[in-house]
Amino acid sequence: GIRESKAIDTEKLCIEPGKKVFVVFVDVYVLNHDGNLIDASALAAVAALMNTKMPNYEVKDGELIIKQGYTPLPMKSHPITVTLGKINNKLIVDAWLEEEQVIDARLTMAFNNEGNICAVQKGCAGYFTQQQILEGMKLAQEKAAELRKKLGW
């Protein structure tokens, strides 16, 4: 469901404040992958949300009336994730499956339209030094900007 999403304009999903809201779910079904599943899934989810249509509606006497036609899902941002892996103190981006199987630590950063970090997740048992995090953040920010430009987001 939607919980304090920074990407979707949750105020516009509110039909009646405190009473009725639209709920949006995104399910990702993976058939096969060769690495970097987090980033691929995140891109697919955002692309799906960008193509999502909400029914037109009005509220009369506290009742929701669905009208003809649809409206695009109101989105504030189009976040892009970049996942870094650390293998023997070296940072890698866009790991293949074989690389993922030997990484010491994983760090996923999501960037909003302005290039600011809007989410971070660390995975695996290893660690990142402060310097590696700063270096990785710069690298991830550059890669997110490249992807955003290619996608036209």
C-alpha atoms as a PDB file:
ATOM      1  CA  GLY A   1       0.000   0.000   0.000  1.00  0.00           C
ATOM      2  CA  ILE A   2       0.943   3.640   0.204  1.00  0.00           C
ATOM      3  CA  ARG A   3       2.616   4.904   3.380  1.00  0.00           C
ATOM      4  CA  GLU A   4       4.018   8.426   3.334  1.00  0.00           C
ATOM      5  CA  SER A   5       5.184   7.987  -0.250  1.00  0.00           C
ATOM      6  CA  LYS A   6       7.403  10.773  -1.525  1.00  0.00           C
ATOM      7  CA  ALA A   7       6.809   9.802  -5.154  1.00  0.00           C
ATOM      8  CA  ILE A   8       3.023   9.843  -5.261  1.00  0.00           C
ATOM      9  CA  ASP A   9       0.982  12.897  -4.340  1.00  0.00           C
ATOM     10  CA  THR A  10      -0.941  11.189  -1.522  1.00  0.00           C
ATOM     11  CA  GLU A  11      -3.096  14.269  -0.938  1.00  0.00           C
ATOM     12  CA  LYS A  12      -4.624  13.754  -4.383  1.00  0.00           C
ATOM     13  CA  LEU A  13      -5.363  10.100  -3.566  1.00  0.00           C
ATOM     14  CA  CYS A  14      -7.478  11.322  -0.663  1.00  0.00           C
ATOM     15  CA  ILE A  15     -11.161  11.280  -1.540  1.00  0.00           C
ATOM     16  CA  GLU A  16     -12.354  12.580   1.833  1.00  0.00           C
ATOM     17  CA  PRO A  17      -9.651  13.453   4.401  1.00  0.00           C
ATOM     18  CA  GLY A  18      -9.758  11.005   7.301  1.00  0.00           C
ATOM     19  CA  LYS A  19     -12.482   8.890   5.681  1.00  0.00           C
ATOM     20  CA  LYS A  20     -11.883   7.648   2.140  1.00  0.00           C
ATOM     21  CA  VAL A  21      -8.730   7.191   0.063  1.00  0.00           C
ATOM     22  CA  PHE A  22      -7.591   5.384  -3.044  1.00  0.00           C
ATOM     23  CA  VAL A  23      -4.995   2.689  -2.380  1.00  0.00           C
ATOM     24  CA  VAL A  24      -2.308   1.792  -4.910  1.00  0.00           C
ATOM     25  CA  PHE A  25      -0.373  -1.481  -4.846  1.00  0.00           C
ATOM     26  CA  VAL A  26       2.547  -2.435  -7.067  1.00  0.00           C
ATOM     27  CA  ASP A  27       3.367  -6.130  -7.361  1.00  0.00           C
ATOM     28  CA  VAL A  28       6.557  -7.121  -9.184  1.00  0.00           C
ATOM     29  CA  TYR A  29       6.697 -10.679 -10.474  1.00  0.00           C
ATOM     30  CA  VAL A  30      10.220 -11.772 -11.354  1.00  0.00           C
ATOM     31  CA  LEU A  31      10.423 -14.468 -13.995  1.00  0.00           C
ATOM     32  CA  ASN A  32      14.194 -14.440 -14.360  1.00  0.00           C
ATOM     33  CA  HIS A  33      17.096 -12.150 -13.564  1.00  0.00           C
ATOM     34  CA  ASP A  34      20.821 -11.817 -14.069  1.00  0.00           C
ATOM     35  CA  GLY A  35      21.564  -9.369 -11.282  1.00  0.00           C
ATOM     36  CA  ASN A  36      20.590  -5.911 -10.051  1.00  0.00           C
ATOM     37  CA  LEU A  37      17.037  -6.992  -9.325  1.00  0.00           C
ATOM     38  CA  ILE A  38      16.405  -4.099  -6.913  1.00  0.00           C
ATOM     39  CA  ASP A  39      17.083  -1.393  -9.503  1.00  0.00           C
ATOM     40  CA  ALA A  40      15.286  -3.203 -12.327  1.00  0.00           C
ATOM     41  CA  SER A  41      12.226  -3.761 -10.115  1.00  0.00           C
ATOM     42  CA  ALA A  42      12.208  -0.144  -8.934  1.00  0.00           C
ATOM     43  CA  LEU A  43      12.385   1.157 -12.522  1.00  0.00           C
ATOM     44  CA  ALA A  44       9.570  -1.185 -13.534  1.00  0.00           C
ATOM     45  CA  ALA A  45       7.435  -0.081 -10.570  1.00  0.00           C
ATOM     46  CA  VAL A  46       7.891   3.630 -11.331  1.00  0.00           C
ATOM     47  CA  ALA A  47       7.175   3.037 -15.032  1.00  0.00           C
ATOM     48  CA  ALA A  48       3.989   1.169 -14.071  1.00  0.00           C
ATOM     49  CA  LEU A  49       2.906   4.016 -11.768  1.00  0.00           C
ATOM     50  CA  MET A  50       3.575   6.550 -14.523  1.00  0.00           C
ATOM     51  CA  ASN A  51       1.122   4.634 -16.716  1.00  0.00           C
ATOM     52  CA  THR A  52      -1.490   4.118 -14.003  1.00  0.00           C
ATOM     53  CA  LYS A  53      -4.882   5.733 -14.493  1.00  0.00           C
ATOM     54  CA  MET A  54      -7.345   6.610 -11.740  1.00  0.00           C
ATOM     55  CA  PRO A  55     -11.071   6.764 -12.391  1.00  0.00           C
ATOM     56  CA  ASN A  56     -12.645  10.189 -12.497  1.00  0.00           C
ATOM     57  CA  TYR A  57     -14.958  10.646  -9.533  1.00  0.00           C
ATOM     58  CA  GLU A  58     -16.933  13.043  -7.428  1.00  0.00           C
ATOM     59  CA  VAL A  59     -18.222  12.907  -3.872  1.00  0.00           C
ATOM     60  CA  LYS A  60     -21.890  13.681  -3.288  1.00  0.00           C
ATOM     61  CA  ASP A  61     -23.354  13.537   0.205  1.00  0.00           C
ATOM     62  CA  GLY A  62     -20.383  11.480   1.424  1.00  0.00           C
ATOM     63  CA  GLU A  63     -20.785   8.896  -1.351  1.00  0.00           C
ATOM     64  CA  LEU A  64     -18.173   8.219  -4.018  1.00  0.00           C
ATOM     65  CA  ILE A  65     -19.545   8.409  -7.533  1.00  0.00           C
ATOM     66  CA  ILE A  66     -17.307   7.010 -10.274  1.00  0.00           C
ATOM     67  CA  LYS A  67     -17.607   9.038 -13.448  1.00  0.00           C
ATOM     68  CA  GLN A  68     -16.626   8.277 -17.013  1.00  0.00           C
ATOM     69  CA  GLY A  69     -12.974   8.540 -17.993  1.00  0.00           C
ATOM     70  CA  TYR A  70      -9.642   8.331 -16.225  1.00  0.00           C
ATOM     71  CA  THR A  71      -6.927  10.638 -14.902  1.00  0.00           C
ATOM     72  CA  PRO A  72      -3.186   9.884 -14.619  1.00  0.00           C
ATOM     73  CA  LEU A  73      -1.986   8.917 -11.144  1.00  0.00           C
ATOM     74  CA  PRO A  74      -0.675  12.140  -9.552  1.00  0.00           C
ATOM     75  CA  MET A  75       3.085  11.737  -9.091  1.00  0.00           C
ATOM     76  CA  LYS A  76       5.375  14.246  -7.359  1.00  0.00           C
ATOM     77  CA  SER A  77       8.609  12.544  -8.381  1.00  0.00           C
ATOM     78  CA  HIS A  78      10.047   9.682 -10.407  1.00  0.00           C
ATOM     79  CA  PRO A  79      12.616   8.101  -8.078  1.00  0.00           C
ATOM     80  CA  ILE A  80      15.507   6.163  -9.559  1.00  0.00           C
ATOM     81  CA  THR A  81      17.499   3.673  -7.511  1.00  0.00           C
ATOM     82  CA  VAL A  82      21.161   2.836  -7.950  1.00  0.00           C
ATOM     83  CA  THR A  83      22.614  -0.141  -6.122  1.00  0.00           C
ATOM     84  CA  LEU A  84      26.288  -0.339  -5.234  1.00  0.00           C
ATOM     85  CA  GLY A  85      28.123  -3.476  -4.257  1.00  0.00           C
ATOM     86  CA  LYS A  86      31.397  -3.743  -2.379  1.00  0.00           C
ATOM     87  CA  ILE A  87      33.831  -6.507  -3.293  1.00  0.00           C
ATOM     88  CA  ASN A  88      37.246  -6.447  -1.593  1.00  0.00           C
ATOM     89  CA  ASN A  89      36.968  -2.706  -0.822  1.00  0.00           C
ATOM     90  CA  LYS A  90      36.058  -1.854  -4.440  1.00  0.00           C
ATOM     91  CA  LEU A  91      32.686  -0.365  -5.334  1.00  0.00           C
ATOM     92  CA  ILE A  92      30.712  -1.692  -8.289  1.00  0.00           C
ATOM     93  CA  VAL A  93      27.475  -0.532  -9.910  1.00  0.00           C
ATOM     94  CA  ASP A  94      24.879  -2.638 -11.743  1.00  0.00           C
ATOM     95  CA  ALA A  95      26.198  -5.980 -10.485  1.00  0.00           C
ATOM     96  CA  TRP A  96      25.711  -9.167 -12.454  1.00  0.00           C
ATOM     97  CA  LEU A  97      24.293 -12.184 -10.643  1.00  0.00           C
ATOM     98  CA  GLU A  98      27.774 -13.695 -10.209  1.00  0.00           C
ATOM     99  CA  GLU A  99      29.036 -10.434  -8.681  1.00  0.00           C
ATOM    100  CA  GLU A 100      26.022 -10.211  -6.368  1.00  0.00           C
ATOM    101  CA  GLN A 101      26.809 -13.678  -5.040  1.00  0.00           C
ATOM    102  CA  VAL A 102      30.225 -12.523  -3.760  1.00  0.00           C
ATOM    103  CA  ILE A 103      29.575  -8.950  -2.627  1.00  0.00           C
ATOM    104  CA  ASP A 104      30.501  -8.092   0.945  1.00  0.00           C
ATOM    105  CA  ALA A 105      27.909  -5.323   1.278  1.00  0.00           C
ATOM    106  CA  ARG A 106      25.165  -3.706  -0.785  1.00  0.00           C
ATOM    107  CA  LEU A 107      23.898  -0.119  -0.678  1.00  0.00           C
ATOM    108  CA  THR A 108      20.851   1.073  -2.611  1.00  0.00           C
ATOM    109  CA  MET A 109      20.151   4.786  -2.912  1.00  0.00           C
ATOM    110  CA  ALA A 110      17.051   6.319  -4.471  1.00  0.00           C
ATOM    111  CA  PHE A 111      17.204   9.783  -6.026  1.00  0.00           C
ATOM    112  CA  ASN A 112      14.277  12.109  -6.695  1.00  0.00           C
ATOM    113  CA  ASN A 113      13.842  14.399  -9.714  1.00  0.00           C
ATOM    114  CA  GLU A 114      16.155  17.009  -8.182  1.00  0.00           C
ATOM    115  CA  GLY A 115      18.952  14.455  -7.658  1.00  0.00           C
ATOM    116  CA  ASN A 116      18.500  14.357  -3.890  1.00  0.00           C
ATOM    117  CA  ILE A 117      18.542  11.109  -1.936  1.00  0.00           C
ATOM    118  CA  CYS A 118      15.011  10.116  -0.912  1.00  0.00           C
ATOM    119  CA  ALA A 119      15.685   6.565   0.336  1.00  0.00           C
ATOM    120  CA  VAL A 120      18.626   4.364   1.328  1.00  0.00           C
ATOM    121  CA  GLN A 121      18.867   0.656   2.115  1.00  0.00           C
ATOM    122  CA  LYS A 122      21.964  -1.269   3.178  1.00  0.00           C
ATOM    123  CA  GLY A 123      22.130  -5.023   2.707  1.00  0.00           C
ATOM    124  CA  CYS A 124      24.435  -7.988   3.294  1.00  0.00           C
ATOM    125  CA  ALA A 125      26.687  -8.600   6.291  1.00  0.00           C
ATOM    126  CA  GLY A 126      29.607  -6.363   5.256  1.00  0.00           C
ATOM    127  CA  TYR A 127      30.088  -2.662   5.848  1.00  0.00           C
ATOM    128  CA  PHE A 128      30.938   0.561   4.054  1.00  0.00           C
ATOM    129  CA  THR A 129      33.401   3.099   5.400  1.00  0.00           C
ATOM    130  CA  GLN A 130      32.334   6.730   5.571  1.00  0.00           C
ATOM    131  CA  GLN A 131      34.600   7.482   2.603  1.00  0.00           C
ATOM    132  CA  GLN A 132      33.067   4.624   0.567  1.00  0.00           C
ATOM    133  CA  ILE A 133      29.569   5.908   1.312  1.00  0.00           C
ATOM    134  CA  LEU A 134      30.481   9.417   0.156  1.00  0.00           C
ATOM    135  CA  GLU A 135      32.242   8.078  -2.949  1.00  0.00           C
ATOM    136  CA  GLY A 136      29.334   5.717  -3.638  1.00  0.00           C
ATOM    137  CA  MET A 137      26.778   8.488  -3.181  1.00  0.00           C
ATOM    138  CA  LYS A 138      28.504  10.625  -5.806  1.00  0.00           C
ATOM    139  CA  LEU A 139      28.783   7.687  -8.214  1.00  0.00           C
ATOM    140  CA  ALA A 140      25.159   6.647  -7.649  1.00  0.00           C
ATOM    141  CA  GLN A 141      23.952  10.225  -8.118  1.00  0.00           C
ATOM    142  CA  GLU A 142      25.771  10.434 -11.472  1.00  0.00           C
ATOM    143  CA  LYS A 143      24.339   7.082 -12.624  1.00  0.00           C
ATOM    144  CA  ALA A 144      20.812   8.092 -11.579  1.00  0.00           C
ATOM    145  CA  ALA A 145      21.152  11.349 -13.563  1.00  0.00           C
ATOM    146  CA  GLU A 146      22.335   9.375 -16.625  1.00  0.00           C
ATOM    147  CA  LEU A 147      19.371   6.999 -16.342  1.00  0.00           C
ATOM    148  CA  ARG A 148      16.928   9.856 -15.827  1.00  0.00           C
ATOM    149  CA  LYS A 149      18.222  11.565 -18.981  1.00  0.00           C
ATOM    150  CA  LYS A 150      17.978   8.357 -21.059  1.00  0.00           C
ATOM    151  CA  LEU A 151      14.453   7.667 -19.790  1.00  0.00           C
ATOM    152  CA  GLY A 152      13.308  11.262 -20.218  1.00  0.00           C
ATOM    153  CA  TRP A 153      12.037  11.403 -16.623  1.00  0.00           C
END
